[in-house]
Amino acid sequence: MKLRAEALSGALGKGLSPIYALCGDEPLLLDETTALVREAINRPGVAERQGFVADARFDWRAWMAGFDSLSLFASRRLVELRLPTGKPGVEGGKVLEAWCERPPEDVFLVLLMPRPDRATQQTKWFAALERVAAVVQITEPTPEQLPAWIGARLARKQLQADRDTLAYLAARVEGNLLAAHQEIEKLALLLPPGPVSLDVARAAVVDVARYDVNDLSEALLKGDAVRYCRIIDGLQAEGEAPPLAVWLLAQELRTLYRLAAGLALGQALPTLMKQQRVWDSRQALVSKALKQFPAASLASALRLVSRADRAAKGLLREDAWLMLKQLGLALMGRADLKQLEERYGY
């Protein structure tokens, strides 16, 4: 049975599953969800809790054999098995299938794993989990959802913040939910119940945002100029070298240009998306970007990103990060692409 994390609490109140598969990439949310399941299972009284990590040296058969008999002093057991890679291998998959077919009596199994990719979802062991277990998909809030997420967490502490304050807080903790949680806890300790002003938030909250280079192409596709610049500044401040960011943006721009060229020739967008291997989850975002960025602008951006690539490799005396910022802003209509090309010698 598939469950969203938001529905887990209600499902736990209706009854317990013999197996829980908690799937998530965000450590804070995974830990909180695990604590929720532990509490529900422990409510009737579980005398023994065991934890295991299925790394490359994990002996699956010996692990399974250990549950043939229960402890003399424990009528129920809670077993937590962490799959760091989310892939148990052939032997592990068979053991998990066998467990699903005949769960050991009075043993609750909680699997902790990253969100499964498409290949994992098509395996026999994962299909067995979906038939027998409560499979909980734990998703972190998107940048657009983060202010509301922070607002809900503040409300638990009897604190309220307006839209501007929430936006400020979100910008300071984006990509770092654990730090966001810590900042909210700090505000709860510093302030009495009631509103949190923007001035107080500025004084109290440290800028702990973390960015991934993949966030850059997402911001570009969304046409979010403010976030695009903030990510570049953040990556540069963290000491990230520009070549990877340049390469990823070049790949994104190349895909967009090929799609735009195909559309101009009368080809169907779904067919083009398949040819360019655009994932289903990104197709809506890419479609929106195609409407925003003309083919001629994409061609100009590709020429500029080629120059940024040479700058990133030290072949030109230019600031590659600055060039990426400028070409992104120009593509989003915040600067003149032609003037930018002339400036860099095109």
Protein backbone atom coordinates (compact mmCIF):
# COMPACT_ATOMS: atom_id res chain seq x y z
CA MET A 1 0.00 0.00 0.00
CA LYS A 2 1.41 3.36 -1.02
CA LEU A 3 1.08 6.26 1.41
CA ARG A 4 2.09 9.88 1.35
CA ALA A 5 3.89 10.97 4.49
CA GLU A 6 1.03 13.37 5.30
CA ALA A 7 -1.40 10.43 5.50
CA LEU A 8 0.79 8.23 7.69
CA SER A 9 -0.41 9.47 11.07
CA GLY A 10 -4.04 8.72 10.21
CA ALA A 11 -3.14 5.28 8.85
CA LEU A 12 -1.20 4.42 12.02
CA GLY A 13 -4.25 5.29 14.08
CA LYS A 14 -6.35 2.75 12.18
CA GLY A 15 -3.98 -0.18 12.65
CA LEU A 16 -0.41 -1.35 12.20
CA SER A 17 1.19 -2.95 9.16
CA PRO A 18 3.74 -5.75 9.69
CA ILE A 19 6.14 -3.90 7.37
CA TYR A 20 6.83 -0.20 6.79
CA ALA A 21 9.06 1.01 3.96
CA LEU A 22 10.01 4.63 4.58
CA CYS A 23 11.42 6.12 1.38
CA GLY A 24 13.02 9.57 1.46
CA ASP A 25 16.18 11.52 0.64
CA GLU A 26 15.86 14.22 3.31
CA PRO A 27 17.43 13.02 6.62
CA LEU A 28 15.31 15.26 8.87
CA LEU A 29 12.00 14.14 7.37
CA LEU A 30 13.08 10.50 7.30
CA ASP A 31 14.06 10.65 10.98
CA GLU A 32 10.78 12.31 11.96
CA THR A 33 8.74 9.75 10.03
CA THR A 34 10.70 6.91 11.62
CA ALA A 35 10.00 8.34 15.07
CA LEU A 36 6.28 8.47 14.26
CA VAL A 37 6.24 4.79 13.26
CA ARG A 38 8.31 3.80 16.30
CA GLU A 39 5.91 5.56 18.63
CA ALA A 40 2.88 3.83 17.10
CA ILE A 41 4.47 0.38 17.28
CA ASN A 42 5.73 0.93 20.82
CA ARG A 43 2.35 2.07 22.09
CA PRO A 44 1.12 -1.46 22.90
CA GLY A 45 4.54 -2.30 24.31
CA VAL A 46 7.56 -3.58 22.37
CA ALA A 47 10.32 -4.81 24.63
CA GLU A 48 13.04 -5.08 22.01
CA ARG A 49 14.21 -2.84 19.15
CA GLN A 50 17.04 -3.83 16.81
CA GLY A 51 18.78 -1.83 14.12
CA PHE A 52 20.74 -3.07 11.09
CA VAL A 53 22.52 -1.47 8.13
CA ALA A 54 22.53 -3.47 4.89
CA ASP A 55 25.90 -2.46 3.47
CA ALA A 56 27.96 -4.40 0.90
CA ARG A 57 29.10 -6.94 3.53
CA PHE A 58 25.65 -7.54 5.02
CA ASP A 59 24.77 -11.25 5.42
CA TRP A 60 21.13 -11.40 4.39
CA ARG A 61 20.64 -15.12 5.07
CA ALA A 62 22.10 -14.94 8.56
CA TRP A 63 19.97 -11.88 9.27
CA MET A 64 16.79 -13.68 8.19
CA ALA A 65 17.71 -16.78 10.19
CA GLY A 66 17.97 -14.68 13.32
CA PHE A 67 14.20 -14.24 13.39
CA ASP A 68 13.32 -17.92 13.44
CA SER A 69 12.79 -17.72 17.19
CA LEU A 70 11.81 -14.86 19.45
CA SER A 71 13.64 -13.74 22.55
CA LEU A 72 12.42 -15.39 25.74
CA PHE A 73 11.89 -11.97 27.28
CA ALA A 74 10.27 -10.12 24.36
CA SER A 75 6.87 -10.91 22.94
CA ARG A 76 7.27 -8.40 20.09
CA ARG A 77 10.22 -6.94 18.23
CA LEU A 78 10.74 -3.81 16.17
CA VAL A 79 13.42 -4.31 13.53
CA GLU A 80 14.82 -1.31 11.64
CA LEU A 81 16.79 -2.11 8.50
CA ARG A 82 18.56 0.71 6.70
CA LEU A 83 19.27 0.34 2.97
CA PRO A 84 21.79 3.16 2.29
CA THR A 85 21.71 2.69 -1.49
CA GLY A 86 18.10 1.56 -1.73
CA LYS A 87 19.28 -1.53 -3.62
CA PRO A 88 19.57 -4.78 -1.62
CA GLY A 89 21.13 -6.77 -4.46
CA VAL A 90 19.96 -10.14 -5.75
CA GLU A 91 20.25 -12.03 -2.45
CA GLY A 92 18.77 -9.20 -0.41
CA GLY A 93 15.89 -8.87 -2.84
CA LYS A 94 15.08 -12.57 -2.45
CA VAL A 95 15.19 -12.32 1.34
CA LEU A 96 12.85 -9.31 1.32
CA GLU A 97 10.47 -11.16 -1.02
CA ALA A 98 10.47 -14.13 1.36
CA TRP A 99 9.86 -11.84 4.33
CA CYS A 100 6.87 -10.29 2.56
CA GLU A 101 5.43 -13.72 1.77
CA ARG A 102 5.69 -14.88 5.40
CA PRO A 103 6.47 -12.06 7.84
CA PRO A 104 7.90 -13.47 11.09
CA GLU A 105 5.30 -13.54 13.82
CA ASP A 106 5.32 -10.61 16.26
CA VAL A 107 8.09 -8.81 14.36
CA PHE A 108 7.58 -5.35 12.84
CA LEU A 109 10.01 -4.52 10.05
CA VAL A 110 10.79 -0.89 9.22
CA LEU A 111 12.88 -0.37 6.07
CA LEU A 112 14.67 2.98 5.74
CA MET A 113 15.78 3.80 2.20
CA PRO A 114 16.19 6.59 -0.36
CA ARG A 115 13.29 7.34 -2.68
CA PRO A 116 13.25 4.49 -5.21
CA ASP A 117 14.14 5.17 -8.82
CA ARG A 118 12.15 3.69 -11.69
CA ALA A 119 14.38 0.60 -11.96
CA THR A 120 13.91 -0.17 -8.26
CA GLN A 121 10.15 0.23 -8.51
CA GLN A 122 10.09 -2.44 -11.21
CA THR A 123 11.89 -5.10 -9.14
CA LYS A 124 10.12 -8.12 -7.67
CA TRP A 125 11.13 -7.31 -4.11
CA PHE A 126 9.75 -3.78 -4.29
CA ALA A 127 6.52 -5.04 -5.87
CA ALA A 128 6.23 -7.49 -2.95
CA LEU A 129 6.67 -4.59 -0.54
CA GLU A 130 3.89 -2.63 -2.24
CA ARG A 131 1.53 -5.61 -1.86
CA VAL A 132 2.21 -6.23 1.82
CA ALA A 133 3.86 -3.18 3.37
CA ALA A 134 2.92 0.41 3.97
CA VAL A 135 5.27 2.14 1.50
CA VAL A 136 5.61 5.75 2.60
CA GLN A 137 6.95 8.29 0.09
CA ILE A 138 8.61 11.15 1.96
CA THR A 139 9.10 14.22 -0.24
CA GLU A 140 10.88 17.39 0.80
CA PRO A 141 9.16 20.72 0.12
CA THR A 142 10.00 22.44 -3.16
CA PRO A 143 11.42 25.99 -3.02
CA GLU A 144 7.88 27.25 -3.71
CA GLN A 145 6.48 25.17 -0.84
CA LEU A 146 9.25 25.97 1.64
CA PRO A 147 7.73 29.21 3.07
CA ALA A 148 4.45 27.40 3.86
CA TRP A 149 6.42 24.49 5.36
CA ILE A 150 8.29 26.90 7.63
CA GLY A 151 5.02 28.63 8.54
CA ALA A 152 3.45 25.33 9.59
CA ARG A 153 6.49 24.46 11.70
CA LEU A 154 6.42 27.88 13.37
CA ALA A 155 2.73 27.42 14.13
CA ARG A 156 3.55 24.24 16.07
CA LYS A 157 5.66 26.49 18.31
CA GLN A 158 2.84 29.07 18.58
CA LEU A 159 4.73 31.49 16.36
CA GLN A 160 3.36 33.29 13.29
CA ALA A 161 5.13 35.06 10.44
CA ASP A 162 3.85 37.08 7.49
CA ARG A 163 4.62 36.34 3.85
CA ASP A 164 7.74 38.54 3.67
CA THR A 165 9.23 37.02 6.81
CA LEU A 166 8.55 33.48 5.61
CA ALA A 167 10.14 34.28 2.24
CA TYR A 168 13.19 35.69 4.02
CA LEU A 169 13.51 32.61 6.24
CA ALA A 170 13.09 30.27 3.26
CA ALA A 171 15.85 32.03 1.33
CA ARG A 172 18.23 31.59 4.27
CA VAL A 173 17.65 27.85 4.79
CA GLU A 174 16.83 26.55 1.30
CA GLY A 175 18.25 23.10 0.65
CA ASN A 176 19.02 22.53 4.33
CA LEU A 177 15.91 21.37 6.19
CA LEU A 178 17.86 20.27 9.25
CA ALA A 179 19.20 23.80 9.61
CA ALA A 180 15.68 25.15 9.02
CA HIS A 181 14.44 22.97 11.87
CA GLN A 182 17.25 24.21 14.12
CA GLU A 183 16.52 27.86 13.31
CA ILE A 184 12.82 27.36 14.10
CA GLU A 185 13.76 25.72 17.41
CA LYS A 186 16.04 28.68 18.15
CA LEU A 187 13.26 31.19 17.43
CA ALA A 188 10.94 29.25 19.72
CA LEU A 189 13.50 29.49 22.51
CA LEU A 190 14.22 33.19 21.95
CA LEU A 191 10.69 34.49 21.43
CA PRO A 192 7.40 34.34 23.31
CA PRO A 193 4.34 32.96 21.47
CA GLY A 194 3.09 35.40 18.85
CA PRO A 195 4.24 37.08 15.63
CA VAL A 196 7.82 36.94 14.33
CA SER A 197 8.74 40.21 12.63
CA LEU A 198 11.06 40.46 9.65
CA ASP A 199 13.55 42.51 11.69
CA VAL A 200 13.68 39.84 14.40
CA ALA A 201 14.13 37.10 11.78
CA ARG A 202 17.00 39.01 10.17
CA ALA A 203 18.71 39.42 13.52
CA ALA A 204 18.26 35.83 14.65
CA VAL A 205 18.58 33.58 11.60
CA VAL A 206 21.91 32.58 10.07
CA ASP A 207 22.20 32.12 6.30
CA VAL A 208 22.62 28.34 6.03
CA ALA A 209 21.17 27.74 2.56
CA ARG A 210 22.80 25.01 0.52
CA TYR A 211 22.54 24.70 -3.22
CA ASP A 212 23.17 21.95 -5.70
CA VAL A 213 24.27 22.68 -9.25
CA ASN A 214 21.14 20.87 -10.45
CA ASP A 215 19.07 23.60 -8.78
CA LEU A 216 20.53 26.07 -11.26
CA SER A 217 18.95 24.54 -14.37
CA GLU A 218 15.62 24.21 -12.55
CA ALA A 219 15.63 27.92 -11.69
CA LEU A 220 16.49 28.75 -15.30
CA LEU A 221 13.66 26.62 -16.69
CA LYS A 222 11.21 28.25 -14.29
CA GLY A 223 12.37 31.71 -15.30
CA ASP A 224 13.07 32.53 -11.64
CA ALA A 225 15.76 35.19 -12.02
CA VAL A 226 16.09 35.99 -8.31
CA ARG A 227 16.63 32.36 -7.32
CA TYR A 228 18.91 31.74 -10.30
CA CYS A 229 21.25 34.53 -9.15
CA ARG A 230 21.03 33.45 -5.52
CA ILE A 231 22.06 29.90 -6.42
CA ILE A 232 25.06 31.12 -8.43
CA ASP A 233 26.14 33.36 -5.55
CA GLY A 234 25.67 30.46 -3.11
CA LEU A 235 27.64 27.98 -5.21
CA GLN A 236 30.43 30.49 -5.67
CA ALA A 237 30.52 31.26 -1.93
CA GLU A 238 30.71 27.54 -1.14
CA GLY A 239 33.79 27.23 -3.35
CA GLU A 240 32.08 25.19 -6.06
CA ALA A 241 34.15 25.08 -9.26
CA PRO A 242 32.20 26.38 -12.28
CA PRO A 243 32.88 23.63 -14.89
CA LEU A 244 30.09 21.31 -13.69
CA ALA A 245 27.53 24.13 -13.58
CA VAL A 246 28.58 25.26 -17.07
CA TRP A 247 28.29 21.71 -18.41
CA LEU A 248 24.83 21.16 -16.88
CA LEU A 249 23.50 24.45 -18.23
CA ALA A 250 24.98 23.71 -21.65
CA GLN A 251 23.22 20.34 -21.66
CA GLU A 252 19.93 21.99 -20.67
CA LEU A 253 20.23 24.70 -23.31
CA ARG A 254 21.22 22.18 -25.97
CA THR A 255 18.14 20.06 -25.21
CA LEU A 256 15.86 23.10 -25.31
CA TYR A 257 17.34 24.23 -28.62
CA ARG A 258 16.88 20.80 -30.20
CA LEU A 259 13.28 20.69 -29.00
CA ALA A 260 12.62 24.19 -30.34
CA ALA A 261 14.19 23.30 -33.69
CA GLY A 262 12.08 20.16 -33.93
CA LEU A 263 8.90 22.08 -33.17
CA ALA A 264 9.79 24.58 -35.89
CA LEU A 265 9.92 21.66 -38.34
CA GLY A 266 6.44 20.55 -37.30
CA GLN A 267 7.42 17.58 -35.14
CA ALA A 268 5.21 16.59 -32.19
CA LEU A 269 6.49 17.67 -28.79
CA PRO A 270 5.87 14.27 -27.06
CA THR A 271 7.97 12.57 -29.75
CA LEU A 272 10.72 15.15 -29.37
CA MET A 273 10.68 14.80 -25.58
CA LYS A 274 11.17 11.06 -25.95
CA GLN A 275 14.00 11.51 -28.44
CA GLN A 276 15.78 13.95 -26.12
CA ARG A 277 15.17 11.71 -23.09
CA VAL A 278 13.32 14.32 -21.08
CA TRP A 279 11.97 12.61 -17.95
CA ASP A 280 8.22 12.56 -17.43
CA SER A 281 8.61 14.51 -14.19
CA ARG A 282 10.36 17.39 -16.03
CA GLN A 283 8.25 17.59 -19.18
CA ALA A 284 5.82 20.22 -17.89
CA LEU A 285 8.73 22.42 -16.78
CA VAL A 286 10.54 22.02 -20.10
CA SER A 287 7.33 22.76 -22.04
CA LYS A 288 6.90 25.99 -20.11
CA ALA A 289 10.51 26.98 -20.81
CA LEU A 290 10.04 26.39 -24.54
CA LYS A 291 7.20 28.91 -24.55
CA GLN A 292 9.35 31.42 -22.70
CA PHE A 293 12.64 31.08 -24.61
CA PRO A 294 12.64 31.62 -28.42
CA ALA A 295 14.91 29.41 -30.54
CA ALA A 296 17.05 32.41 -31.55
CA SER A 297 17.62 33.31 -27.89
CA LEU A 298 18.58 29.72 -27.11
CA ALA A 299 21.11 29.78 -29.95
CA SER A 300 22.65 32.96 -28.52
CA ALA A 301 22.73 31.45 -25.04
CA LEU A 302 24.52 28.37 -26.39
CA ARG A 303 27.22 30.55 -27.94
CA LEU A 304 27.65 32.37 -24.63
CA VAL A 305 27.76 29.19 -22.56
CA SER A 306 30.45 27.88 -24.92
CA ARG A 307 32.56 30.92 -24.05
CA ALA A 308 31.77 30.42 -20.34
CA ASP A 309 33.04 26.86 -20.70
CA ARG A 310 36.39 28.10 -21.98
CA ALA A 311 36.53 30.62 -19.13
CA ALA A 312 35.78 27.88 -16.60
CA LYS A 313 38.69 25.85 -17.99
CA GLY A 314 41.05 28.80 -17.67
CA LEU A 315 41.33 29.36 -21.43
CA LEU A 316 39.86 32.88 -21.22
CA ARG A 317 40.42 35.64 -18.70
CA GLU A 318 36.73 35.96 -17.86
CA ASP A 319 34.63 35.22 -14.76
CA ALA A 320 32.67 32.07 -15.65
CA TRP A 321 30.18 32.54 -12.78
CA LEU A 322 29.47 36.11 -13.89
CA MET A 323 28.96 34.94 -17.47
CA LEU A 324 26.48 32.27 -16.35
CA LYS A 325 24.58 34.85 -14.35
CA GLN A 326 24.49 37.28 -17.27
CA LEU A 327 23.39 34.76 -19.89
CA GLY A 328 20.67 33.40 -17.60
CA LEU A 329 19.30 36.87 -16.90
CA ALA A 330 19.44 37.74 -20.60
CA LEU A 331 17.61 34.56 -21.55
CA MET A 332 14.93 35.41 -18.98
CA GLY A 333 14.52 38.87 -20.49
CA ARG A 334 16.33 40.76 -17.73
CA ALA A 335 19.19 41.86 -20.01
CA ASP A 336 19.91 42.27 -23.73
CA LEU A 337 21.30 39.08 -25.30
CA LYS A 338 22.65 40.89 -28.37
CA GLN A 339 24.57 43.39 -26.26
CA LEU A 340 25.95 40.53 -24.21
CA GLU A 341 27.12 38.71 -27.33
CA GLU A 342 28.77 41.88 -28.62
CA ARG A 343 30.51 42.36 -25.29
CA TYR A 344 32.01 38.87 -25.42
CA GLY A 345 33.04 39.12 -29.07
CA TYR A 346 30.25 37.44 -31.05
